[in-house]
Amino acid sequence: MKTIDKIYINGEFITSQGTEYFDLISPVTNEKLGQVILGNQKDTQNAIAAAKETFKTFSKTSKAERIQYLKNIQTAIEKRKEEFINTMVEEYGGTLQFATISYTYMLKSFDSAINLLNTYDFTKTMGESEVQMTPLGVVGIIIPWNSSNGFICSKLSTAIVAGCTTVIKPSEMSAQQTQLITECLHEAGLPKGVFNIVNGLGEIVGAEISSNPDVAKISFTGSTNVGKIIAKEAVNTMKRVTLELGGKSPNIILDDANFAEAIPLAISAAYMNNGQACIAGTRLLVPENRLEEVKKLIKEIVSNTIVGNPKNETTAVGPMVSNKQYERVQNYIQIGIDEGAEILIGGLGKPEGLEKGNFVKPTVFINVNNKMRIAREEIFGPVLSVITYKTEEEAIEIANDTTYGLQAYVSSLNEKRAHKIASQINAGRIQINGIGHDPMAPFGGFKQSGIGREFGTIGLEAYLEPKALIR
C-alpha cells in the first residue's frame, strides 16, 4: 500500500501542513490501494507565493529556453511510459487501450507547444501600434480525475509557452498518477516555482486558488456546476478564466451513411473512457425509418463489447472511477426507466462476475425523446440514448436543443452534406465521419459547456494579455 505524503512547492517535495488523509480505492476491486495527504489553505498560499516570485524572471525567458524546458519534460515522461499506463489503469480504471492513447496525447501536447513557440509572434502590429502579447501571471490549474495527467501536460505546456507560472490542483483521486508526473517534471529541471502541485479538496485548495488575488487566471476542466462556482469566485479579483465543462454530445447519423461503419463508431463515441468523457456522444440521432436496422446493429455490437478488468487488452469498458460514480450512473438508468424509455440492452446492476468493482452494464435506451432527463443531463457513464428524427432540419433542432455545446458528431457518405450539417450545430468541435483530435485547433464549449478555448493559437492567447504601445 502506497502513502503519498508530500506535495511540490518551489522546486521541492515538501511535507504538507495538512493533516487529513484521503484513501485511494481500486475501482476494480474496491480495495484500498493507498492514501494521500490533503494539502490545506496554507500549502496553497505558499504555492501561489512561489509561483508569483518565479513569474518575475520566468516571464522574461526566451523562446529557446522555454522550448528546452518542454523538451526536458517530454524526455522525462518518455522514460516511464509503462508506469504511466499501468498507474492510470490501476488507479483510475481506464482501459489499457485508453491509457495508452492518453499517454500518446500527453507526449504530443509538448510537440504542439513547441510548434506554437516556433511559430507564434508575441509582438504584432495592429493599426499603427505595436501590440505585445504578455504573460498573464500565475495560472491556477484545476483538473478532474478522468484524464488527470493529460490535462496537467496540456495546460502546463501552454502556460510555459506563454511564460506563466502555475499552481496545479489535481483530483485527490488521482494521487498516484500525480506523483508520477510530478517526479518527471522535477527531473526536467525547470526553474523553481514554475510549477507547484498541491493535492487537496476542491473546497479548500481549489477555493483558495479561485479567490487568491495573486492568481491571474484559472484553467479548469470539470463539471458545469463546479465551473460556475469557480467563475463566480474568480470575478471578485477579475481573474481570467478558461472553463472546459460538461457535455451531452449529439451524434447525427444521416440516412446516406454507411450504418455498418457509423453505428460501431457511435458506440465507441458513447463508451469512450468508460463513458466518463465530457465529449462522449451520448445522444444518438438516427432516421426514424432506419430504427429497426439501428437496433439490430447496436444489440450485436454492444453484446460483443467486453466489459471487465481494464488490464486486459480486449477490455473495451472498464469500471466507473468510484462507487459514488457507479451509484450515479445506476440512478440515471433508473430515471430512464421511470421516464418511459425502453432498455434495448444493458440495464441496472453489475455484469455477471464483476460484482466487486464499480462496473456498469453498457446500456442503450430507445424510445427516448429529447425532453427526458437521460437525454438532457450528463450521466458520465456508458449509457446511450437513441433518438429518432424525420428530417435533417429536425435532427439539427434536436442536436441544438441542449444547455451544452462541447462536441458533436456527424456521419454521412456525402462529405459536403455532412459539412453543411456540422456547420449548423452549436458546439465547439464537430467530428465528421470519425473521432479525432487536432492539438492545434481550439477546443471548448458553447453555452454551459464552458468559456474560452484550449489548444493552438486561440488557447495560447487565453494565457496572454495584449499590451498596445501607441507611438
Protein backbone atom coordinates (compact mmCIF):
# COMPACT_ATOMS: atom_id res chain seq x y z
CA MET A 1 0.00 0.00 0.00
CA LYS A 2 1.37 3.40 -1.01
CA THR A 3 1.27 6.54 1.11
CA ILE A 4 1.82 9.84 -0.69
CA ASP A 5 2.73 12.36 2.00
CA LYS A 6 4.48 15.08 0.02
CA ILE A 7 3.35 17.99 -2.11
CA TYR A 8 5.53 20.00 -4.50
CA ILE A 9 6.29 23.67 -3.89
CA ASN A 10 9.12 25.88 -5.20
CA GLY A 11 11.13 23.05 -6.72
CA GLU A 12 10.94 20.67 -3.78
CA PHE A 13 8.92 17.77 -2.46
CA ILE A 14 7.83 19.01 0.96
CA THR A 15 5.64 17.78 3.79
CA SER A 16 2.15 19.20 3.61
CA GLN A 17 0.82 21.22 6.52
CA GLY A 18 -2.46 19.35 6.13
CA THR A 19 -3.28 16.51 8.50
CA GLU A 20 -6.14 14.74 6.69
CA TYR A 21 -5.57 11.68 4.51
CA PHE A 22 -7.69 10.52 1.58
CA ASP A 23 -7.99 6.81 0.79
CA LEU A 24 -7.19 5.66 -2.75
CA ILE A 25 -9.59 2.87 -3.67
CA SER A 26 -9.27 0.45 -6.60
CA PRO A 27 -12.26 0.82 -8.93
CA VAL A 28 -11.80 -2.82 -9.97
CA THR A 29 -11.92 -4.41 -6.50
CA ASN A 30 -12.90 -1.56 -4.15
CA GLU A 31 -9.87 -2.48 -2.06
CA LYS A 32 -7.56 0.21 -0.66
CA LEU A 33 -4.56 0.97 -2.87
CA GLY A 34 -3.03 3.62 -0.65
CA GLN A 35 -3.59 7.06 0.77
CA VAL A 36 -2.62 10.66 0.10
CA ILE A 37 -2.27 13.57 2.45
CA LEU A 38 -4.52 16.52 1.59
CA GLY A 39 -2.97 19.93 1.37
CA ASN A 40 -4.58 22.86 3.15
CA GLN A 41 -5.09 26.58 2.61
CA LYS A 42 -1.60 27.49 3.86
CA ASP A 43 0.03 25.00 1.49
CA THR A 44 -1.89 26.56 -1.36
CA GLN A 45 -0.91 30.10 -0.34
CA ASN A 46 2.75 29.04 -0.20
CA ALA A 47 2.48 27.51 -3.67
CA ILE A 48 0.93 30.68 -5.06
CA ALA A 49 3.64 32.82 -3.42
CA ALA A 50 6.35 30.67 -5.02
CA ALA A 51 4.74 30.93 -8.44
CA LYS A 52 4.34 34.69 -8.05
CA GLU A 53 8.01 35.18 -7.20
CA THR A 54 9.24 32.99 -10.05
CA PHE A 55 7.00 34.74 -12.56
CA LYS A 56 9.21 37.85 -12.29
CA THR A 57 12.04 36.03 -14.06
CA PHE A 58 10.30 33.20 -15.93
CA SER A 59 8.10 35.64 -17.82
CA LYS A 60 11.27 37.09 -19.33
CA THR A 61 12.74 33.81 -20.57
CA SER A 62 13.42 33.36 -24.28
CA LYS A 63 11.61 31.08 -26.70
CA ALA A 64 14.69 28.87 -26.85
CA GLU A 65 14.74 28.44 -23.08
CA ARG A 66 11.06 27.52 -22.93
CA ILE A 67 11.44 25.06 -25.79
CA GLN A 68 14.26 23.35 -23.93
CA TYR A 69 12.16 23.05 -20.78
CA LEU A 70 9.35 21.46 -22.80
CA LYS A 71 11.78 19.02 -24.40
CA ASN A 72 13.18 18.12 -20.99
CA ILE A 73 9.72 17.30 -19.65
CA GLN A 74 8.93 15.20 -22.71
CA THR A 75 12.17 13.26 -22.32
CA ALA A 76 11.46 12.55 -18.66
CA ILE A 77 7.96 11.29 -19.47
CA GLU A 78 9.22 9.09 -22.31
CA LYS A 79 11.42 7.17 -19.87
CA ARG A 80 8.44 6.00 -17.83
CA LYS A 81 5.85 5.01 -20.42
CA GLU A 82 4.83 1.70 -18.83
CA GLU A 83 4.47 3.29 -15.39
CA PHE A 84 2.18 5.99 -16.74
CA ILE A 85 -0.05 3.48 -18.49
CA ASN A 86 -0.14 0.96 -15.64
CA THR A 87 -0.80 3.57 -12.96
CA MET A 88 -3.72 5.02 -14.89
CA VAL A 89 -5.19 1.56 -15.37
CA GLU A 90 -4.79 0.61 -11.71
CA GLU A 91 -5.83 3.83 -10.01
CA TYR A 92 -8.44 5.18 -12.40
CA GLY A 93 -9.70 2.04 -14.11
CA GLY A 94 -9.10 3.33 -17.61
CA THR A 95 -8.73 0.52 -20.11
CA LEU A 96 -5.28 -0.43 -21.33
CA GLN A 97 -6.25 0.88 -24.76
CA PHE A 98 -7.45 4.22 -23.40
CA ALA A 99 -4.46 4.64 -21.08
CA THR A 100 -2.09 4.02 -23.99
CA ILE A 101 -3.84 6.60 -26.16
CA SER A 102 -3.82 9.06 -23.26
CA TYR A 103 -0.08 8.61 -22.85
CA THR A 104 0.45 9.34 -26.56
CA TYR A 105 -1.64 12.51 -26.29
CA MET A 106 0.43 13.59 -23.28
CA LEU A 107 3.61 13.49 -25.30
CA LYS A 108 2.01 15.18 -28.30
CA SER A 109 0.93 18.12 -26.14
CA PHE A 110 4.61 19.07 -25.84
CA ASP A 111 5.16 18.75 -29.59
CA SER A 112 2.23 21.12 -30.11
CA ALA A 113 3.58 23.55 -27.51
CA ILE A 114 7.00 23.59 -29.16
CA ASN A 115 5.35 24.17 -32.53
CA LEU A 116 3.48 27.14 -31.05
CA LEU A 117 6.66 28.66 -29.69
CA ASN A 118 8.39 28.25 -33.03
CA THR A 119 5.57 29.93 -34.97
CA TYR A 120 3.82 32.40 -32.66
CA ASP A 121 4.78 36.07 -32.80
CA PHE A 122 4.47 37.65 -29.36
CA THR A 123 4.81 41.12 -30.90
CA LYS A 124 2.29 42.21 -33.52
CA THR A 125 1.45 45.34 -35.47
CA MET A 126 -2.19 46.37 -35.24
CA GLY A 127 -3.19 49.56 -36.94
CA GLU A 128 -0.26 51.88 -36.30
CA SER A 129 0.56 50.39 -32.89
CA GLU A 130 2.84 47.72 -31.54
CA VAL A 131 0.92 45.10 -29.58
CA GLN A 132 2.87 42.97 -27.14
CA MET A 133 1.29 39.69 -26.08
CA THR A 134 2.43 39.45 -22.47
CA PRO A 135 2.07 36.55 -20.00
CA LEU A 136 -0.80 36.96 -17.56
CA GLY A 137 0.93 35.85 -14.37
CA VAL A 138 0.22 32.95 -12.02
CA VAL A 139 -2.19 30.40 -13.51
CA GLY A 140 -4.30 28.17 -11.29
CA ILE A 141 -4.84 24.80 -12.97
CA ILE A 142 -7.71 22.73 -11.57
CA ILE A 143 -8.38 19.37 -13.16
CA PRO A 144 -10.63 16.28 -12.81
CA TRP A 145 -9.88 12.58 -12.47
CA ASN A 146 -10.88 11.28 -15.89
CA SER A 147 -7.59 12.12 -17.66
CA SER A 148 -5.52 13.69 -14.94
CA ASN A 149 -2.01 13.71 -16.35
CA GLY A 150 -3.24 14.53 -19.83
CA PHE A 151 -4.83 17.71 -18.51
CA ILE A 152 -1.74 18.61 -16.47
CA CYS A 153 0.51 18.28 -19.52
CA SER A 154 -1.70 20.18 -21.96
CA LYS A 155 -2.40 23.07 -19.59
CA LEU A 156 1.10 23.32 -18.13
CA SER A 157 2.75 23.20 -21.55
CA THR A 158 0.56 26.08 -22.73
CA ALA A 159 1.43 28.07 -19.60
CA ILE A 160 5.14 27.50 -20.24
CA VAL A 161 4.76 28.67 -23.85
CA ALA A 162 3.13 31.86 -22.59
CA GLY A 163 5.73 32.46 -19.87
CA CYS A 164 3.31 31.92 -17.00
CA THR A 165 3.94 30.08 -13.74
CA THR A 166 1.43 27.66 -12.27
CA VAL A 167 -0.24 26.17 -9.23
CA ILE A 168 -1.86 22.85 -10.03
CA LYS A 169 -4.68 21.19 -8.08
CA PRO A 170 -5.28 17.69 -9.44
CA SER A 171 -8.04 15.45 -8.21
CA GLU A 172 -7.16 13.79 -4.91
CA MET A 173 -8.44 10.57 -6.50
CA SER A 174 -5.53 10.69 -9.00
CA ALA A 175 -2.72 10.99 -6.45
CA GLN A 176 -0.59 8.10 -7.73
CA GLN A 177 -0.78 9.45 -11.27
CA THR A 178 0.04 12.92 -9.96
CA GLN A 179 3.08 11.62 -8.07
CA LEU A 180 4.44 10.11 -11.27
CA ILE A 181 4.07 13.24 -13.38
CA THR A 182 5.48 15.39 -10.56
CA GLU A 183 8.63 13.25 -10.46
CA CYS A 184 9.05 13.71 -14.22
CA LEU A 185 8.53 17.47 -14.00
CA HIS A 186 11.06 17.65 -11.18
CA GLU A 187 13.60 15.70 -13.25
CA ALA A 188 13.12 18.13 -16.16
CA GLY A 189 14.96 20.84 -14.23
CA LEU A 190 12.55 23.74 -14.63
CA PRO A 191 13.23 26.86 -12.56
CA LYS A 192 11.90 26.54 -9.02
CA GLY A 193 8.33 27.79 -8.76
CA VAL A 194 7.33 27.39 -12.42
CA PHE A 195 5.03 24.58 -11.40
CA ASN A 196 3.68 23.83 -7.93
CA ILE A 197 1.35 20.91 -7.17
CA VAL A 198 -0.93 20.66 -4.15
CA ASN A 199 -3.12 17.60 -3.63
CA GLY A 200 -6.29 18.58 -1.84
CA LEU A 201 -10.02 19.06 -1.87
CA GLY A 202 -11.78 21.50 -4.18
CA GLU A 203 -13.48 23.33 -1.32
CA ILE A 204 -10.09 24.03 0.29
CA VAL A 205 -7.26 24.08 -2.25
CA GLY A 206 -9.49 24.90 -5.23
CA ALA A 207 -11.29 27.61 -3.27
CA GLU A 208 -8.00 29.31 -2.34
CA ILE A 209 -6.81 29.26 -5.94
CA SER A 210 -10.15 30.71 -7.08
CA SER A 211 -10.12 33.56 -4.56
CA ASN A 212 -6.44 34.42 -4.09
CA PRO A 213 -5.69 37.83 -5.66
CA ASP A 214 -2.21 36.71 -6.73
CA VAL A 215 -3.68 34.20 -9.19
CA ALA A 216 -4.26 35.92 -12.54
CA LYS A 217 -6.03 33.12 -14.41
CA ILE A 218 -7.76 29.84 -13.81
CA SER A 219 -7.82 26.98 -16.28
CA PHE A 220 -10.43 24.49 -15.13
CA THR A 221 -11.75 21.26 -16.59
CA GLY A 222 -14.66 19.61 -14.81
CA SER A 223 -18.36 19.76 -14.17
CA THR A 224 -20.53 22.71 -15.15
CA ASN A 225 -21.73 23.16 -11.56
CA VAL A 226 -18.19 23.48 -10.19
CA GLY A 227 -17.22 25.70 -13.12
CA LYS A 228 -19.98 28.13 -12.17
CA ILE A 229 -18.69 28.29 -8.58
CA ILE A 230 -15.15 28.99 -9.79
CA ALA A 231 -16.35 31.68 -12.22
CA LYS A 232 -18.35 33.44 -9.51
CA GLU A 233 -15.36 33.49 -7.16
CA ALA A 234 -12.89 34.46 -9.88
CA VAL A 235 -14.81 37.57 -10.87
CA ASN A 236 -14.14 39.17 -7.48
CA THR A 237 -10.50 39.67 -8.48
CA MET A 238 -11.21 39.77 -12.23
CA LYS A 239 -9.31 36.57 -12.92
CA ARG A 240 -9.27 35.40 -16.50
CA VAL A 241 -10.92 32.01 -16.80
CA THR A 242 -10.89 29.13 -19.23
CA LEU A 243 -13.61 26.66 -18.32
CA GLU A 244 -13.98 23.35 -20.16
CA LEU A 245 -17.16 21.89 -18.70
CA GLY A 246 -19.79 19.22 -19.30
CA GLY A 247 -21.40 17.96 -22.46
CA LYS A 248 -24.30 15.99 -23.90
CA SER A 249 -22.94 15.49 -27.36
CA PRO A 250 -25.32 14.67 -30.24
CA ASN A 251 -24.27 12.16 -32.88
CA ILE A 252 -26.26 12.60 -36.08
CA ILE A 253 -26.23 9.66 -38.47
CA LEU A 254 -27.65 10.79 -41.78
CA ASP A 255 -29.73 8.46 -43.93
CA ASP A 256 -26.98 8.06 -46.54
CA ALA A 257 -24.33 6.96 -44.02
CA ASN A 258 -22.76 3.52 -44.05
CA PHE A 259 -24.58 2.24 -40.98
CA ALA A 260 -22.28 -0.79 -40.67
CA GLU A 261 -19.44 1.67 -40.00
CA ALA A 262 -21.33 4.55 -38.39
CA ILE A 263 -23.04 2.54 -35.63
CA PRO A 264 -19.83 0.92 -34.28
CA LEU A 265 -18.24 4.36 -34.36
CA ALA A 266 -21.22 5.75 -32.45
CA ILE A 267 -20.85 3.08 -29.75
CA SER A 268 -17.15 3.95 -29.46
CA ALA A 269 -18.03 7.63 -29.14
CA ALA A 270 -20.58 6.91 -26.43
CA TYR A 271 -18.48 4.50 -24.38
CA MET A 272 -15.05 6.14 -24.73
CA ASN A 273 -13.14 6.36 -21.45
CA ASN A 274 -15.71 4.02 -19.87
CA GLY A 275 -18.34 6.65 -20.68
CA GLN A 276 -16.58 9.09 -18.36
CA ALA A 277 -15.84 11.68 -21.04
CA CYS A 278 -17.25 15.17 -21.44
CA ILE A 279 -17.10 14.69 -25.23
CA ALA A 280 -18.89 11.32 -25.26
CA GLY A 281 -21.55 11.07 -27.98
CA THR A 282 -24.38 10.10 -25.65
CA ARG A 283 -27.32 11.22 -27.83
CA LEU A 284 -27.54 9.13 -31.00
CA LEU A 285 -29.83 10.70 -33.60
CA VAL A 286 -30.95 8.28 -36.31
CA PRO A 287 -33.53 8.40 -39.13
CA GLU A 288 -36.89 7.17 -37.90
CA ASN A 289 -37.29 4.83 -40.87
CA ARG A 290 -33.95 3.13 -40.11
CA LEU A 291 -34.60 2.45 -36.41
CA GLU A 292 -35.04 -1.32 -36.70
CA GLU A 293 -31.76 -1.63 -38.57
CA VAL A 294 -30.05 0.54 -35.96
CA LYS A 295 -31.45 -1.53 -33.10
CA LYS A 296 -30.17 -4.76 -34.63
CA LEU A 297 -26.69 -3.34 -35.19
CA ILE A 298 -26.50 -1.84 -31.69
CA LYS A 299 -27.53 -5.08 -29.98
CA GLU A 300 -24.95 -7.02 -31.93
CA ILE A 301 -22.14 -4.55 -31.21
CA VAL A 302 -22.89 -3.92 -27.54
CA SER A 303 -23.44 -7.61 -26.77
CA ASN A 304 -19.90 -8.20 -28.05
CA THR A 305 -18.41 -5.24 -26.16
CA ILE A 306 -16.12 -6.64 -23.48
CA VAL A 307 -16.61 -5.20 -20.01
CA GLY A 308 -14.07 -6.20 -17.41
CA ASN A 309 -10.62 -5.82 -15.93
CA PRO A 310 -9.05 -2.77 -17.59
CA LYS A 311 -5.65 -4.50 -17.61
CA ASN A 312 -6.86 -6.92 -20.27
CA GLU A 313 -6.07 -5.84 -23.83
CA THR A 314 -9.52 -6.83 -25.10
CA THR A 315 -11.48 -4.85 -22.50
CA ALA A 316 -13.46 -2.03 -24.09
CA VAL A 317 -15.28 -0.73 -20.99
CA GLY A 318 -13.76 -0.73 -17.52
CA PRO A 319 -15.22 0.34 -14.17
CA MET A 320 -16.53 3.67 -13.00
CA VAL A 321 -13.88 5.59 -11.06
CA SER A 322 -15.65 5.20 -7.71
CA ASN A 323 -18.64 3.61 -6.05
CA LYS A 324 -20.20 7.08 -5.90
CA GLN A 325 -19.93 7.38 -9.67
CA TYR A 326 -21.33 3.86 -10.09
CA GLU A 327 -24.37 4.80 -7.99
CA ARG A 328 -24.84 8.00 -10.01
CA VAL A 329 -25.00 6.02 -13.26
CA GLN A 330 -27.37 3.45 -11.75
CA ASN A 331 -29.63 6.27 -10.64
CA TYR A 332 -29.78 7.65 -14.18
CA ILE A 333 -30.59 4.24 -15.63
CA GLN A 334 -33.49 4.04 -13.19
CA ILE A 335 -34.57 7.56 -14.17
CA GLY A 336 -34.63 6.47 -17.83
CA ILE A 337 -36.83 3.51 -16.97
CA ASP A 338 -39.15 5.73 -14.90
CA GLU A 339 -39.38 8.25 -17.75
CA GLY A 340 -40.71 5.56 -20.08
CA ALA A 341 -37.64 4.93 -22.20
CA GLU A 342 -37.02 1.31 -23.19
CA ILE A 343 -33.80 -0.53 -22.47
CA LEU A 344 -32.55 -2.12 -25.68
CA ILE A 345 -29.55 -3.72 -23.97
CA GLY A 346 -27.87 -3.40 -20.58
CA GLY A 347 -29.74 -2.04 -17.60
CA LEU A 348 -29.43 -1.94 -13.84
CA GLY A 349 -26.87 -3.85 -11.80
CA LYS A 350 -23.38 -5.14 -12.41
CA PRO A 351 -22.29 -7.54 -15.15
CA GLU A 352 -22.03 -11.14 -14.00
CA GLY A 353 -18.68 -11.93 -12.40
CA LEU A 354 -17.78 -8.29 -11.82
CA GLU A 355 -19.67 -7.68 -8.59
CA LYS A 356 -16.64 -6.48 -6.59
CA GLY A 357 -15.85 -3.49 -8.77
CA ASN A 358 -17.71 -0.40 -9.98
CA PHE A 359 -18.75 -1.97 -13.27
CA VAL A 360 -21.84 -0.83 -15.19
CA LYS A 361 -23.60 -2.79 -17.90
CA PRO A 362 -23.16 -0.81 -21.14
CA THR A 363 -26.70 0.42 -21.63
CA VAL A 364 -28.68 1.69 -24.61
CA PHE A 365 -32.11 3.30 -24.34
CA ILE A 366 -34.58 3.57 -27.23
CA ASN A 367 -37.93 5.39 -27.37
CA VAL A 368 -36.14 8.41 -25.92
CA ASN A 369 -37.34 11.93 -26.54
CA ASN A 370 -35.11 14.93 -26.10
CA LYS A 371 -37.06 16.23 -23.10
CA MET A 372 -36.16 13.25 -20.92
CA ARG A 373 -33.50 13.76 -18.26
CA ILE A 374 -31.37 10.95 -19.71
CA ALA A 375 -31.24 13.00 -22.93
CA ARG A 376 -30.55 16.34 -21.26
CA GLU A 377 -28.24 15.67 -18.29
CA GLU A 378 -24.66 14.47 -18.32
CA ILE A 379 -24.59 10.94 -16.92
CA PHE A 380 -20.84 10.30 -17.22
CA GLY A 381 -21.11 6.58 -17.72
CA PRO A 382 -21.69 4.04 -20.54
CA VAL A 383 -25.32 5.00 -21.20
CA LEU A 384 -26.53 5.90 -24.71
CA SER A 385 -29.89 7.39 -25.67
CA VAL A 386 -31.21 6.74 -29.19
CA ILE A 387 -33.48 9.48 -30.54
CA THR A 388 -35.20 9.34 -33.93
CA TYR A 389 -35.76 12.18 -36.39
CA LYS A 390 -37.72 12.57 -39.64
CA THR A 391 -35.80 15.33 -41.46
CA GLU A 392 -32.37 16.94 -41.46
CA GLU A 393 -33.89 20.09 -40.02
CA GLU A 394 -35.40 18.17 -37.11
CA ALA A 395 -32.08 16.43 -36.45
CA ILE A 396 -30.30 19.78 -36.23
CA GLU A 397 -33.03 21.17 -33.99
CA ILE A 398 -32.75 18.20 -31.60
CA ALA A 399 -28.95 18.39 -31.62
CA ASN A 400 -29.02 22.05 -30.63
CA ASP A 401 -31.82 21.65 -28.08
CA THR A 402 -29.46 21.32 -25.12
CA THR A 403 -27.86 23.53 -22.48
CA TYR A 404 -24.50 22.13 -23.60
CA GLY A 405 -22.37 22.56 -26.70
CA LEU A 406 -18.97 20.93 -26.33
CA GLN A 407 -18.72 18.38 -29.13
CA ALA A 408 -20.92 16.74 -31.78
CA TYR A 409 -20.62 14.05 -34.43
CA VAL A 410 -21.99 13.71 -37.98
CA SER A 411 -21.82 10.68 -40.28
CA SER A 412 -22.60 10.71 -44.00
CA LEU A 413 -21.13 9.28 -47.20
CA ASN A 414 -21.54 12.75 -48.70
CA GLU A 415 -18.85 14.84 -47.04
CA LYS A 416 -20.27 18.09 -48.40
CA ARG A 417 -23.64 17.26 -46.87
CA ALA A 418 -22.04 16.29 -43.55
CA HIS A 419 -20.07 19.55 -43.55
CA LYS A 420 -23.26 21.53 -44.12
CA ILE A 421 -24.98 19.83 -41.18
CA ALA A 422 -21.90 20.19 -38.95
CA SER A 423 -21.76 23.92 -39.65
CA GLN A 424 -25.27 24.32 -38.20
CA ILE A 425 -24.55 22.56 -34.89
CA ASN A 426 -23.83 24.78 -31.90
CA ALA A 427 -20.77 23.06 -30.47
CA GLY A 428 -17.09 23.85 -30.08
CA ARG A 429 -15.96 20.81 -32.06
CA ILE A 430 -17.81 18.67 -34.57
CA GLN A 431 -16.37 15.34 -35.66
CA ILE A 432 -17.18 14.41 -39.26
CA ASN A 433 -17.11 10.68 -40.07
CA GLY A 434 -14.69 9.84 -37.29
CA ILE A 435 -13.25 10.53 -33.86
CA GLY A 436 -10.08 12.58 -33.88
CA HIS A 437 -8.10 15.27 -32.11
CA ASP A 438 -6.32 18.26 -33.63
CA PRO A 439 -4.00 19.75 -30.98
CA MET A 440 -3.58 22.96 -32.95
CA ALA A 441 -7.33 23.62 -33.30
CA PRO A 442 -9.30 25.29 -30.48
CA PHE A 443 -11.26 23.12 -28.07
CA GLY A 444 -14.01 24.31 -25.75
CA GLY A 445 -17.73 24.71 -25.49
CA PHE A 446 -20.74 26.77 -26.44
CA LYS A 447 -23.35 27.64 -23.80
CA GLN A 448 -22.92 25.81 -20.48
CA SER A 449 -20.09 23.68 -21.82
CA GLY A 450 -17.69 26.42 -20.88
CA ILE A 451 -15.93 29.70 -21.51
CA GLY A 452 -12.88 30.15 -23.72
CA ARG A 453 -10.81 27.67 -25.67
CA GLU A 454 -7.75 25.49 -25.23
CA PHE A 455 -5.09 24.35 -27.72
CA GLY A 456 -3.44 26.14 -30.60
CA THR A 457 -3.07 29.88 -31.01
CA ILE A 458 -6.50 30.66 -29.56
CA GLY A 459 -5.77 28.54 -26.50
CA LEU A 460 -2.37 30.18 -26.03
CA GLU A 461 -3.79 33.69 -26.19
CA ALA A 462 -6.02 32.87 -23.21
CA TYR A 463 -2.77 32.92 -21.18
CA LEU A 464 -1.65 36.24 -22.65
CA GLU A 465 -2.69 39.87 -22.18
CA PRO A 466 -2.39 42.29 -25.13
CA LYS A 467 -0.47 45.48 -24.40
CA ALA A 468 -0.72 48.23 -27.03
CA LEU A 469 2.18 50.67 -27.45
CA ILE A 470 0.86 53.67 -29.38
CA ARG A 471 3.52 55.91 -30.85
